[in-house]
C-alpha atoms as a PDB file:
ATOM      1  CA  MET A   1     -30.347 -33.783  14.104  1.00  0.00           C
ATOM      2  CA  ARG A   2     -27.424 -33.172  11.800  1.00  0.00           C
ATOM      3  CA  ASN A   3     -25.724 -29.932  11.613  1.00  0.00           C
ATOM      4  CA  ALA A   4     -24.752 -27.894   8.303  1.00  0.00           C
ATOM      5  CA  THR A   5     -21.181 -29.446   8.572  1.00  0.00           C
ATOM      6  CA  SER A   6     -21.989 -32.903   8.806  1.00  0.00           C
ATOM      7  CA  ILE A   7     -24.625 -32.840   6.346  1.00  0.00           C
ATOM      8  CA  ALA A   8     -22.170 -31.399   3.828  1.00  0.00           C
ATOM      9  CA  GLU A   9     -19.586 -33.867   4.687  1.00  0.00           C
ATOM     10  CA  PHE A  10     -22.515 -36.496   4.033  1.00  0.00           C
ATOM     11  CA  VAL A  11     -23.078 -35.104   0.835  1.00  0.00           C
ATOM     12  CA  MET A  12     -19.344 -35.106  -0.213  1.00  0.00           C
ATOM     13  CA  SER A  13     -18.872 -38.593   0.945  1.00  0.00           C
ATOM     14  CA  ALA A  14     -22.203 -39.775  -0.870  1.00  0.00           C
ATOM     15  CA  SER A  15     -20.539 -38.137  -4.038  1.00  0.00           C
ATOM     16  CA  THR A  16     -17.174 -39.756  -3.819  1.00  0.00           C
ATOM     17  CA  PRO A  17     -16.497 -41.914  -6.971  1.00  0.00           C
ATOM     18  CA  THR A  18     -15.973 -45.659  -6.216  1.00  0.00           C
ATOM     19  CA  THR A  19     -13.450 -47.785  -8.062  1.00  0.00           C
ATOM     20  CA  SER A  20     -16.170 -50.370  -9.307  1.00  0.00           C
ATOM     21  CA  ASN A  21     -16.208 -50.534 -13.124  1.00  0.00           C
ATOM     22  CA  THR A  22     -19.901 -49.938 -12.902  1.00  0.00           C
ATOM     23  CA  ALA A  23     -20.309 -47.465  -9.876  1.00  0.00           C
ATOM     24  CA  PRO A  24     -23.686 -48.035  -8.093  1.00  0.00           C
ATOM     25  CA  PRO A  25     -25.880 -44.767  -7.163  1.00  0.00           C
ATOM     26  CA  SER A  26     -24.332 -42.724  -4.637  1.00  0.00           C
ATOM     27  CA  LEU A  27     -25.719 -42.425  -1.307  1.00  0.00           C
ATOM     28  CA  ALA A  28     -26.994 -38.924  -1.844  1.00  0.00           C
ATOM     29  CA  ALA A  29     -29.015 -40.516  -5.007  1.00  0.00           C
ATOM     30  CA  GLN A  30     -30.306 -43.147  -2.693  1.00  0.00           C
ATOM     31  CA  CYS A  31     -31.550 -40.431  -0.353  1.00  0.00           C
ATOM     32  CA  VAL A  32     -33.402 -38.746  -3.353  1.00  0.00           C
ATOM     33  CA  SER A  33     -34.911 -41.934  -4.463  1.00  0.00           C
ATOM     34  CA  ALA A  34     -36.356 -42.570  -0.744  1.00  0.00           C
ATOM     35  CA  LEU A  35     -37.945 -39.071  -0.768  1.00  0.00           C
ATOM     36  CA  LEU A  36     -39.449 -39.630  -3.868  1.00  0.00           C
ATOM     37  CA  ASP A  37     -40.802 -43.190  -2.768  1.00  0.00           C
ATOM     38  CA  ARG A  38     -42.251 -41.453   0.302  1.00  0.00           C
ATOM     39  CA  HIS A  39     -44.176 -39.008  -1.763  1.00  0.00           C
ATOM     40  CA  ALA A  40     -45.509 -41.840  -3.946  1.00  0.00           C
ATOM     41  CA  VAL A  41     -43.766 -40.848  -7.095  1.00  0.00           C
ATOM     42  CA  PRO A  42     -43.378 -43.983  -9.485  1.00  0.00           C
ATOM     43  CA  ARG A  43     -39.734 -44.890  -9.868  1.00  0.00           C
ATOM     44  CA  ARG A  44     -40.167 -44.661 -13.646  1.00  0.00           C
ATOM     45  CA  LYS A  45     -40.838 -40.836 -13.001  1.00  0.00           C
ATOM     46  CA  HIS A  46     -38.022 -40.233 -10.732  1.00  0.00           C
ATOM     47  CA  ALA A  47     -35.599 -38.839 -12.998  1.00  0.00           C
ATOM     48  CA  ALA A  48     -38.429 -36.586 -14.653  1.00  0.00           C
ATOM     49  CA  ILE A  49     -39.193 -35.137 -11.287  1.00  0.00           C
ATOM     50  CA  VAL A  50     -35.382 -34.332 -10.514  1.00  0.00           C
ATOM     51  CA  THR A  51     -34.945 -32.779 -14.067  1.00  0.00           C
ATOM     52  CA  GLU A  52     -37.915 -30.590 -13.743  1.00  0.00           C
ATOM     53  CA  VAL A  53     -37.484 -29.424 -10.252  1.00  0.00           C
ATOM     54  CA  LEU A  54     -33.644 -28.646 -10.323  1.00  0.00           C
ATOM     55  CA  GLY A  55     -33.848 -27.376 -14.006  1.00  0.00           C
ATOM     56  CA  LEU A  56     -31.402 -30.063 -15.548  1.00  0.00           C
ATOM     57  CA  SER A  57     -31.550 -32.035 -18.860  1.00  0.00           C
ATOM     58  CA  TYR A  58     -32.998 -35.426 -18.636  1.00  0.00           C
ATOM     59  CA  SER A  59     -29.726 -37.252 -18.909  1.00  0.00           C
ATOM     60  CA  GLN A  60     -28.130 -35.222 -16.212  1.00  0.00           C
ATOM     61  CA  GLY A  61     -31.198 -36.215 -13.836  1.00  0.00           C
ATOM     62  CA  HIS A  62     -31.068 -39.717 -14.880  1.00  0.00           C
ATOM     63  CA  ARG A  63     -27.144 -39.892 -14.112  1.00  0.00           C
ATOM     64  CA  ARG A  64     -27.461 -38.438 -10.772  1.00  0.00           C
ATOM     65  CA  LEU A  65     -30.034 -41.127  -9.773  1.00  0.00           C
ATOM     66  CA  THR A  66     -28.501 -44.163 -11.235  1.00  0.00           C
ATOM     67  CA  THR A  67     -24.771 -43.494 -11.088  1.00  0.00           C
ATOM     68  CA  ASP A  68     -21.901 -41.608  -8.627  1.00  0.00           C
ATOM     69  CA  ALA A  69     -22.623 -38.290 -10.268  1.00  0.00           C
ATOM     70  CA  THR A  70     -21.915 -35.630  -8.024  1.00  0.00           C
ATOM     71  CA  TRP A  71     -24.975 -33.934  -5.998  1.00  0.00           C
ATOM     72  CA  THR A  72     -24.536 -30.289  -4.407  1.00  0.00           C
ATOM     73  CA  LEU A  73     -25.886 -29.570  -1.239  1.00  0.00           C
ATOM     74  CA  GLU A  74     -28.129 -26.830  -2.809  1.00  0.00           C
ATOM     75  CA  GLU A  75     -29.887 -29.387  -5.002  1.00  0.00           C
ATOM     76  CA  LEU A  76     -30.483 -31.775  -2.402  1.00  0.00           C
ATOM     77  CA  GLY A  77     -32.168 -28.970  -0.159  1.00  0.00           C
ATOM     78  CA  THR A  78     -34.135 -27.842  -3.164  1.00  0.00           C
ATOM     79  CA  LEU A  79     -35.614 -31.346  -3.641  1.00  0.00           C
ATOM     80  CA  ALA A  80     -36.290 -31.524   0.225  1.00  0.00           C
ATOM     81  CA  GLU A  81     -38.120 -28.207   0.225  1.00  0.00           C
ATOM     82  CA  TYR A  82     -40.116 -28.973  -2.642  1.00  0.00           C
ATOM     83  CA  TYR A  83     -41.716 -31.866  -0.760  1.00  0.00           C
ATOM     84  CA  GLY A  84     -41.870 -30.098   2.423  1.00  0.00           C
ATOM     85  CA  GLU A  85     -39.180 -31.954   4.209  1.00  0.00           C
ATOM     86  CA  SER A  86     -35.891 -30.626   5.845  1.00  0.00           C
ATOM     87  CA  LEU A  87     -32.589 -31.527   4.669  1.00  0.00           C
ATOM     88  CA  SER A  88     -31.992 -33.481   7.576  1.00  0.00           C
ATOM     89  CA  ASP A  89     -35.002 -35.546   7.289  1.00  0.00           C
ATOM     90  CA  MET A  90     -34.073 -36.339   3.533  1.00  0.00           C
ATOM     91  CA  VAL A  91     -30.876 -37.714   4.347  1.00  0.00           C
ATOM     92  CA  SER A  92     -32.335 -40.238   6.773  1.00  0.00           C
ATOM     93  CA  LEU A  93     -32.683 -42.686   3.945  1.00  0.00           C
ATOM     94  CA  GLY A  94     -36.429 -42.879   4.769  1.00  0.00           C
ATOM     95  CA  ARG A  95     -35.618 -44.481   8.269  1.00  0.00           C
ATOM     96  CA  SER A  96     -37.950 -41.841   9.898  1.00  0.00           C
ATOM     97  CA  GLU A  97     -41.608 -42.381   9.476  1.00  0.00           C
ATOM     98  CA  ALA A  98     -43.383 -40.812   6.348  1.00  0.00           C
ATOM     99  CA  MET A  99     -46.128 -38.229   7.375  1.00  0.00           C
ATOM    100  CA  LEU A 100     -49.559 -39.332   6.457  1.00  0.00           C
ATOM    101  CA  GLY A 101     -52.669 -37.261   5.950  1.00  0.00           C
ATOM    102  CA  ALA A 102     -55.234 -37.397   8.436  1.00  0.00           C
ATOM    103  CA  MET A 103     -58.021 -35.499  10.088  1.00  0.00           C
ATOM    104  CA  LEU A 104     -57.678 -34.655  13.972  1.00  0.00           C
ATOM    105  CA  LYS A 105     -61.163 -35.525  15.577  1.00  0.00           C
ATOM    106  CA  ILE A 106     -61.991 -34.221  18.819  1.00  0.00           C
ATOM    107  CA  GLY A 107     -65.492 -34.326  19.713  1.00  0.00           C
ATOM    108  CA  SER A 108     -67.442 -32.990  16.738  1.00  0.00           C
ATOM    109  CA  THR A 109     -64.447 -30.856  15.614  1.00  0.00           C
ATOM    110  CA  LEU A 110     -62.274 -31.930  12.830  1.00  0.00           C
ATOM    111  CA  VAL A 111     -58.943 -30.431  11.965  1.00  0.00           C
ATOM    112  CA  PRO A 112     -56.624 -31.504   9.114  1.00  0.00           C
ATOM    113  CA  CYS A 113     -53.143 -32.817  10.118  1.00  0.00           C
ATOM    114  CA  ARG A 114     -50.277 -35.074   9.268  1.00  0.00           C
ATOM    115  CA  PHE A 115     -48.636 -37.635  11.387  1.00  0.00           C
ATOM    116  CA  ALA A 116     -45.999 -40.065  11.572  1.00  0.00           C
ATOM    117  CA  ARG A 117     -47.380 -43.392  12.593  1.00  0.00           C
ATOM    118  CA  GLY A 118     -45.661 -45.647  15.193  1.00  0.00           C
ATOM    119  CA  PRO A 119     -46.184 -49.371  15.772  1.00  0.00           C
ATOM    120  CA  ALA A 120     -49.629 -50.802  16.351  1.00  0.00           C
ATOM    121  CA  VAL A 121     -51.052 -50.740  19.847  1.00  0.00           C
ATOM    122  CA  HIS A 122     -53.661 -52.920  21.694  1.00  0.00           C
ATOM    123  CA  LYS A 123     -53.998 -51.324  24.751  1.00  0.00           C
ATOM    124  CA  PRO A 124     -53.269 -47.577  24.429  1.00  0.00           C
ATOM    125  CA  ARG A 125     -53.272 -45.267  27.322  1.00  0.00           C
ATOM    126  CA  PRO A 126     -56.731 -43.688  27.945  1.00  0.00           C
ATOM    127  CA  ASN A 127     -57.154 -40.614  26.213  1.00  0.00           C
ATOM    128  CA  ALA A 128     -53.864 -40.808  24.349  1.00  0.00           C
ATOM    129  CA  LEU A 129     -53.845 -39.505  20.801  1.00  0.00           C
ATOM    130  CA  VAL A 130     -53.755 -42.542  18.351  1.00  0.00           C
ATOM    131  CA  ALA A 131     -54.185 -42.990  14.650  1.00  0.00           C
ATOM    132  CA  THR A 132     -56.744 -45.409  13.220  1.00  0.00           C
ATOM    133  CA  LEU A 133     -57.928 -46.154   9.687  1.00  0.00           C
ATOM    134  CA  ILE A 134     -61.663 -45.580   9.256  1.00  0.00           C
ATOM    135  CA  ASP A 135     -63.328 -46.163   5.702  1.00  0.00           C
ATOM    136  CA  SER A 136     -59.834 -45.935   3.895  1.00  0.00           C
ATOM    137  CA  ASP A 137     -59.342 -42.709   5.837  1.00  0.00           C
ATOM    138  CA  TRP A 138     -56.613 -41.875   8.542  1.00  0.00           C
ATOM    139  CA  TYR A 139     -58.024 -40.121  11.737  1.00  0.00           C
ATOM    140  CA  VAL A 140     -56.173 -39.047  14.901  1.00  0.00           C
ATOM    141  CA  VAL A 141     -58.583 -39.690  17.856  1.00  0.00           C
ATOM    142  CA  PRO A 142     -58.373 -39.872  21.915  1.00  0.00           C
ATOM    143  CA  ALA A 143     -57.929 -43.638  22.625  1.00  0.00           C
ATOM    144  CA  THR A 144     -61.172 -45.366  24.160  1.00  0.00           C
ATOM    145  CA  SER A 145     -62.004 -48.821  25.014  1.00  0.00           C
ATOM    146  CA  GLU A 146     -64.758 -48.813  22.393  1.00  0.00           C
ATOM    147  CA  LEU A 147     -62.337 -48.147  19.558  1.00  0.00           C
ATOM    148  CA  ALA A 148     -63.440 -50.609  17.018  1.00  0.00           C
ATOM    149  CA  THR A 149     -60.476 -50.590  14.577  1.00  0.00           C
ATOM    150  CA  GLN A 150     -56.596 -51.118  15.096  1.00  0.00           C
ATOM    151  CA  ALA A 151     -54.956 -48.288  16.755  1.00  0.00           C
ATOM    152  CA  TYR A 152     -51.137 -46.929  16.300  1.00  0.00           C
ATOM    153  CA  ASP A 153     -49.001 -44.950  18.290  1.00  0.00           C
ATOM    154  CA  ILE A 154     -48.188 -41.199  16.993  1.00  0.00           C
ATOM    155  CA  VAL A 155     -44.490 -40.492  16.331  1.00  0.00           C
ATOM    156  CA  ARG A 156     -45.038 -36.943  15.462  1.00  0.00           C
ATOM    157  CA  MET A 157     -48.119 -34.824  14.321  1.00  0.00           C
ATOM    158  CA  VAL A 158     -48.352 -31.508  12.613  1.00  0.00           C
ATOM    159  CA  ILE A 159     -51.539 -29.451  12.601  1.00  0.00           C
ATOM    160  CA  GLU A 160     -52.494 -27.986   9.370  1.00  0.00           C
ATOM    161  CA  PRO A 161     -54.139 -24.609   8.912  1.00  0.00           C
ATOM    162  CA  SER A 162     -57.943 -24.892   9.429  1.00  0.00           C
ATOM    163  CA  SER A 163     -58.639 -23.050   6.171  1.00  0.00           C
ATOM    164  CA  ALA A 164     -57.705 -25.888   4.188  1.00  0.00           C
ATOM    165  CA  LEU A 165     -60.621 -28.034   5.691  1.00  0.00           C
ATOM    166  CA  SER A 166     -62.884 -29.146   2.704  1.00  0.00           C
ATOM    167  CA  ARG A 167     -61.564 -26.618   0.344  1.00  0.00           C
ATOM    168  CA  ARG A 168     -62.119 -27.880  -3.122  1.00  0.00           C
ATOM    169  CA  ILE A 169     -58.995 -27.181  -5.296  1.00  0.00           C
ATOM    170  CA  ALA A 170     -58.797 -27.244  -9.071  1.00  0.00           C
ATOM    171  CA  VAL A 171     -55.003 -28.206 -10.431  1.00  0.00           C
ATOM    172  CA  LEU A 172     -54.333 -27.708 -13.931  1.00  0.00           C
ATOM    173  CA  ASP A 173     -50.901 -28.772 -15.671  1.00  0.00           C
ATOM    174  CA  ASP A 174     -50.577 -30.258 -19.143  1.00  0.00           C
ATOM    175  CA  HIS A 175     -47.904 -32.543 -17.674  1.00  0.00           C
ATOM    176  CA  ALA A 176     -49.983 -35.403 -15.714  1.00  0.00           C
ATOM    177  CA  ASP A 177     -47.032 -36.060 -13.372  1.00  0.00           C
ATOM    178  CA  SER A 178     -46.965 -32.489 -12.280  1.00  0.00           C
ATOM    179  CA  ALA A 179     -50.683 -32.128 -11.790  1.00  0.00           C
ATOM    180  CA  ALA A 180     -50.546 -35.203  -9.789  1.00  0.00           C
ATOM    181  CA  THR A 181     -47.627 -34.171  -7.585  1.00  0.00           C
ATOM    182  CA  ILE A 182     -49.213 -30.802  -6.816  1.00  0.00           C
ATOM    183  CA  ALA A 183     -52.785 -32.390  -6.041  1.00  0.00           C
ATOM    184  CA  GLY A 184     -50.999 -35.207  -3.865  1.00  0.00           C
ATOM    185  CA  TYR A 185     -49.273 -32.490  -1.556  1.00  0.00           C
ATOM    186  CA  LEU A 186     -52.422 -30.358  -1.457  1.00  0.00           C
ATOM    187  CA  LYS A 187     -54.397 -33.412  -0.404  1.00  0.00           C
ATOM    188  CA  SER A 188     -51.800 -34.055   2.328  1.00  0.00           C
ATOM    189  CA  ALA A 189     -52.352 -30.667   3.368  1.00  0.00           C
ATOM    190  CA  GLY A 190     -55.963 -31.233   4.026  1.00  0.00           C
ATOM    191  CA  TYR A 191     -57.423 -29.883   0.624  1.00  0.00           C
ATOM    192  CA  ASP A 192     -59.854 -31.477  -1.692  1.00  0.00           C
ATOM    193  CA  PRO A 193     -57.824 -31.296  -5.039  1.00  0.00           C
ATOM    194  CA  THR A 194     -58.872 -32.422  -8.530  1.00  0.00           C
ATOM    195  CA  PRO A 195     -55.974 -32.730 -11.167  1.00  0.00           C
ATOM    196  CA  PHE A 196     -56.793 -31.604 -14.686  1.00  0.00           C
ATOM    197  CA  THR A 197     -54.279 -31.722 -17.956  1.00  0.00           C
ATOM    198  CA  ASP A 198     -56.287 -29.794 -20.543  1.00  0.00           C
ATOM    199  CA  LEU A 199     -58.300 -26.523 -20.809  1.00  0.00           C
ATOM    200  CA  ARG A 200     -61.529 -28.472 -21.952  1.00  0.00           C
ATOM    201  CA  SER A 201     -62.108 -30.463 -19.053  1.00  0.00           C
ATOM    202  CA  ILE A 202     -61.252 -27.737 -16.366  1.00  0.00           C
ATOM    203  CA  THR A 203     -63.407 -25.252 -17.987  1.00  0.00           C
ATOM    204  CA  ALA A 204     -66.494 -27.719 -18.001  1.00  0.00           C
ATOM    205  CA  ALA A 205     -65.806 -28.684 -14.566  1.00  0.00           C
ATOM    206  CA  ALA A 206     -65.474 -25.117 -13.371  1.00  0.00           C
ATOM    207  CA  GLU A 207     -68.703 -24.305 -15.066  1.00  0.00           C
ATOM    208  CA  GLY A 208     -70.500 -27.356 -13.622  1.00  0.00           C
ATOM    209  CA  ARG A 209     -69.318 -27.063  -9.968  1.00  0.00           C
ATOM    210  CA  SER A 210     -68.072 -24.704  -7.584  1.00  0.00           C
ATOM    211  CA  PHE A 211     -64.402 -24.908  -6.802  1.00  0.00           C
ATOM    212  CA  ASP A 212     -62.697 -22.821  -3.898  1.00  0.00           C
ATOM    213  CA  GLY A 213     -59.607 -21.987  -5.366  1.00  0.00           C
ATOM    214  CA  TYR A 214     -57.429 -22.879  -8.639  1.00  0.00           C
ATOM    215  CA  VAL A 215     -53.824 -23.676  -9.101  1.00  0.00           C
ATOM    216  CA  LEU A 216     -53.112 -23.135 -12.973  1.00  0.00           C
ATOM    217  CA  ASP A 217     -50.160 -23.679 -15.258  1.00  0.00           C
ATOM    218  CA  TRP A 218     -50.022 -20.404 -17.287  1.00  0.00           C
ATOM    219  CA  ILE A 219     -49.188 -21.885 -20.638  1.00  0.00           C
ATOM    220  CA  LEU A 220     -50.511 -25.280 -21.761  1.00  0.00           C
ATOM    221  CA  GLU A 221     -49.286 -27.239 -25.060  1.00  0.00           C
ATOM    222  CA  LYS A 222     -51.509 -29.605 -26.962  1.00  0.00           C
ATOM    223  CA  ASP A 223     -50.820 -31.023 -30.383  1.00  0.00           C
ATOM    224  CA  GLY A 224     -48.011 -28.458 -30.976  1.00  0.00           C
ATOM    225  CA  THR A 225     -50.354 -25.546 -29.978  1.00  0.00           C
ATOM    226  CA  ARG A 226     -49.512 -23.248 -26.876  1.00  0.00           C
ATOM    227  CA  ASN A 227     -52.575 -21.481 -25.217  1.00  0.00           C
ATOM    228  CA  THR A 228     -52.551 -19.551 -22.149  1.00  0.00           C
ATOM    229  CA  VAL A 229     -55.373 -19.785 -19.119  1.00  0.00           C
ATOM    230  CA  HIS A 230     -56.062 -16.142 -19.498  1.00  0.00           C
ATOM    231  CA  ASP A 231     -59.736 -17.117 -20.893  1.00  0.00           C
ATOM    232  CA  LEU A 232     -60.331 -19.571 -18.209  1.00  0.00           C
ATOM    233  CA  VAL A 233     -58.900 -17.022 -15.500  1.00  0.00           C
ATOM    234  CA  ALA A 234     -61.391 -14.334 -16.849  1.00  0.00           C
ATOM    235  CA  SER A 235     -64.353 -16.979 -17.051  1.00  0.00           C
ATOM    236  CA  ILE A 236     -63.468 -18.002 -13.250  1.00  0.00           C
ATOM    237  CA  ARG A 237     -63.465 -14.180 -12.044  1.00  0.00           C
ATOM    238  CA  SER A 238     -66.921 -13.470 -13.923  1.00  0.00           C
ATOM    239  CA  ARG A 239     -68.253 -16.153 -11.592  1.00  0.00           C
ATOM    240  CA  ASP A 240     -66.278 -15.801  -8.269  1.00  0.00           C
ATOM    241  CA  THR A 241     -64.475 -12.349  -7.456  1.00  0.00           C
ATOM    242  CA  HIS A 242     -62.790 -13.749  -4.109  1.00  0.00           C
ATOM    243  CA  CYS A 243     -61.653 -17.286  -4.877  1.00  0.00           C
ATOM    244  CA  PRO A 244     -57.742 -17.698  -4.814  1.00  0.00           C
ATOM    245  CA  ILE A 245     -56.239 -18.351  -8.089  1.00  0.00           C
ATOM    246  CA  VAL A 246     -52.527 -19.527  -8.053  1.00  0.00           C
ATOM    247  CA  VAL A 247     -50.630 -19.389 -11.556  1.00  0.00           C
ATOM    248  CA  LEU A 248     -47.165 -21.111 -12.319  1.00  0.00           C
ATOM    249  CA  THR A 249     -45.048 -21.130 -15.434  1.00  0.00           C
ATOM    250  CA  GLY A 250     -41.412 -22.136 -15.954  1.00  0.00           C
ATOM    251  CA  GLU A 251     -41.548 -20.209 -19.459  1.00  0.00           C
ATOM    252  CA  VAL A 252     -40.531 -16.740 -18.449  1.00  0.00           C
ATOM    253  CA  GLN A 253     -36.769 -17.088 -18.650  1.00  0.00           C
ATOM    254  CA  THR A 254     -37.320 -18.802 -21.922  1.00  0.00           C
ATOM    255  CA  GLY A 255     -39.404 -15.873 -23.235  1.00  0.00           C
ATOM    256  CA  VAL A 256     -42.369 -18.462 -24.137  1.00  0.00           C
ATOM    257  CA  ALA A 257     -44.456 -16.480 -21.486  1.00  0.00           C
ATOM    258  CA  ASP A 258     -44.988 -12.669 -21.789  1.00  0.00           C
ATOM    259  CA  GLU A 259     -44.231 -11.266 -18.860  1.00  0.00           C
ATOM    260  CA  THR A 260     -46.469  -8.093 -19.607  1.00  0.00           C
ATOM    261  CA  ASP A 261     -49.290 -10.499 -20.112  1.00  0.00           C
ATOM    262  CA  ILE A 262     -48.942 -12.126 -16.751  1.00  0.00           C
ATOM    263  CA  ALA A 263     -48.470  -8.817 -15.043  1.00  0.00           C
ATOM    264  CA  THR A 264     -51.877  -7.279 -16.441  1.00  0.00           C
ATOM    265  CA  ALA A 265     -53.652 -10.433 -15.675  1.00  0.00           C
ATOM    266  CA  MET A 266     -52.196 -10.371 -12.019  1.00  0.00           C
ATOM    267  CA  ALA A 267     -53.376  -7.065 -11.515  1.00  0.00           C
ATOM    268  CA  ARG A 268     -56.878  -7.242 -13.300  1.00  0.00           C
ATOM    269  CA  TYR A 269     -57.751 -10.541 -11.820  1.00  0.00           C
ATOM    270  CA  ARG A 270     -55.896 -10.480  -8.473  1.00  0.00           C
ATOM    271  CA  LEU A 271     -53.866 -13.716  -9.398  1.00  0.00           C
ATOM    272  CA  LYS A 272     -50.768 -15.072  -7.208  1.00  0.00           C
ATOM    273  CA  PHE A 273     -47.923 -16.066  -9.422  1.00  0.00           C
ATOM    274  CA  PHE A 274     -44.860 -18.374  -8.956  1.00  0.00           C
ATOM    275  CA  GLU A 275     -42.264 -19.358 -11.248  1.00  0.00           C
ATOM    276  CA  LYS A 276     -41.504 -23.017 -11.623  1.00  0.00           C
ATOM    277  CA  PRO A 277     -40.405 -25.029 -10.139  1.00  0.00           C
ATOM    278  CA  ALA A 278     -42.813 -23.825  -7.478  1.00  0.00           C
ATOM    279  CA  ARG A 279     -42.394 -24.936  -3.831  1.00  0.00           C
ATOM    280  CA  LEU A 280     -45.168 -27.012  -2.718  1.00  0.00           C
ATOM    281  CA  PRO A 281     -45.531 -25.778   0.471  1.00  0.00           C
ATOM    282  CA  ILE A 282     -45.625 -21.969  -0.692  1.00  0.00           C
ATOM    283  CA  ILE A 283     -48.223 -22.883  -2.706  1.00  0.00           C
ATOM    284  CA  SER A 284     -50.253 -24.411   0.157  1.00  0.00           C
ATOM    285  CA  ALA A 285     -49.445 -21.535   2.310  1.00  0.00           C
ATOM    286  CA  ALA A 286     -50.593 -19.008  -0.577  1.00  0.00           C
ATOM    287  CA  LEU A 287     -53.813 -20.714  -0.700  1.00  0.00           C
ATOM    288  CA  ALA A 288     -54.315 -20.706   2.852  1.00  0.00           C
ATOM    289  CA  ALA A 289     -53.214 -17.063   3.247  1.00  0.00           C
ATOM    290  CA  SER A 290     -56.209 -16.260   0.748  1.00  0.00           C
ATOM    291  CA  PHE A 291     -58.679 -18.084   2.502  1.00  0.00           C
ATOM    292  CA  ALA A 292     -57.862 -16.618   5.840  1.00  0.00           C
ATOM    293  CA  ALA A 293     -58.004 -13.159   4.387  1.00  0.00           C
END
C-alpha cells in the first residue's frame, strides 16, 4: 500500500504539465475517472460529480478531468472518501477489483456484504466461500458440489451492518444524478433504496407504502420555485415517530437555506443533518446507528 509520501509524489508527478500542445488528462484525472467508472457514474456526468463534490465551477471540474490541470491531495482524498474508498485504492487506476454488493448466505442466515470478485473457479475447495450470481443477484455461499451456477473466487469481502438488511430507504434530491448516486451507494450497503426527484412523487409514495428511513434534500427547486421538505417531514413524523430521517443541503453557506429553520426542525422532528457534499459512508452509518438504537 502506498504511504502518504509516495501518494503525494504520485499526485505531483501526475499533475506535471507535458510539453505536448494538447496535453492529455493527468494520471490523477485518469484515477478519478476510473473511480467514477467503478461506481457506475456515466462518463457524461463525471465533470458534474467532481464539481458537486469538490465545490468547483463546472469549467474547473471539466478541466481537471480533460487536461493536465493540477489536483491537490485533499481533492483526491475527498473524492475517494465520498465513494467509500481509500486514497490508495483510488490511485490504483482501477487495477484492484471493484466491490460488488451481495448477500452472505450461511444456512438460512442472510447478511449484507460487499466483495471483490476473483477469477471463475470450476472445482472450488469444499466449504470455501465463493461468489455466485443467482437470479441477477450476487450471493456469497460455501462451495458445494451441488452448486448449480458458476462460482468465483473472493479476493476480499466486507460484512455490512445487519441493520441494513431489507431496510427500505426513500431518497429525495431534485438532481437525478445525486439521487441515483446516493441510492446506488445505499444499495451496495445492503439497503433497499428508492430514488425520487420531486416532492409530489415521494409524498404519494410515503403515504402509499411504509419506508424504514429517509434521506432528503432540504431545499428542492422546480420551475424556478424553491420549497423545503418541512411539510413532508412533519407528515412522515405524524405516521412514524421513530424512523431515521437524514436531511442534506449545500445551501447554508449561500444563505438560501435558513439555519434557524433547520435547527428547529432537527429539534422538533429528531432529524440528522449533514451539509453537502455529504460523505456517503457517513450517511449509511447514520442510518445504521439509528436502526441499531
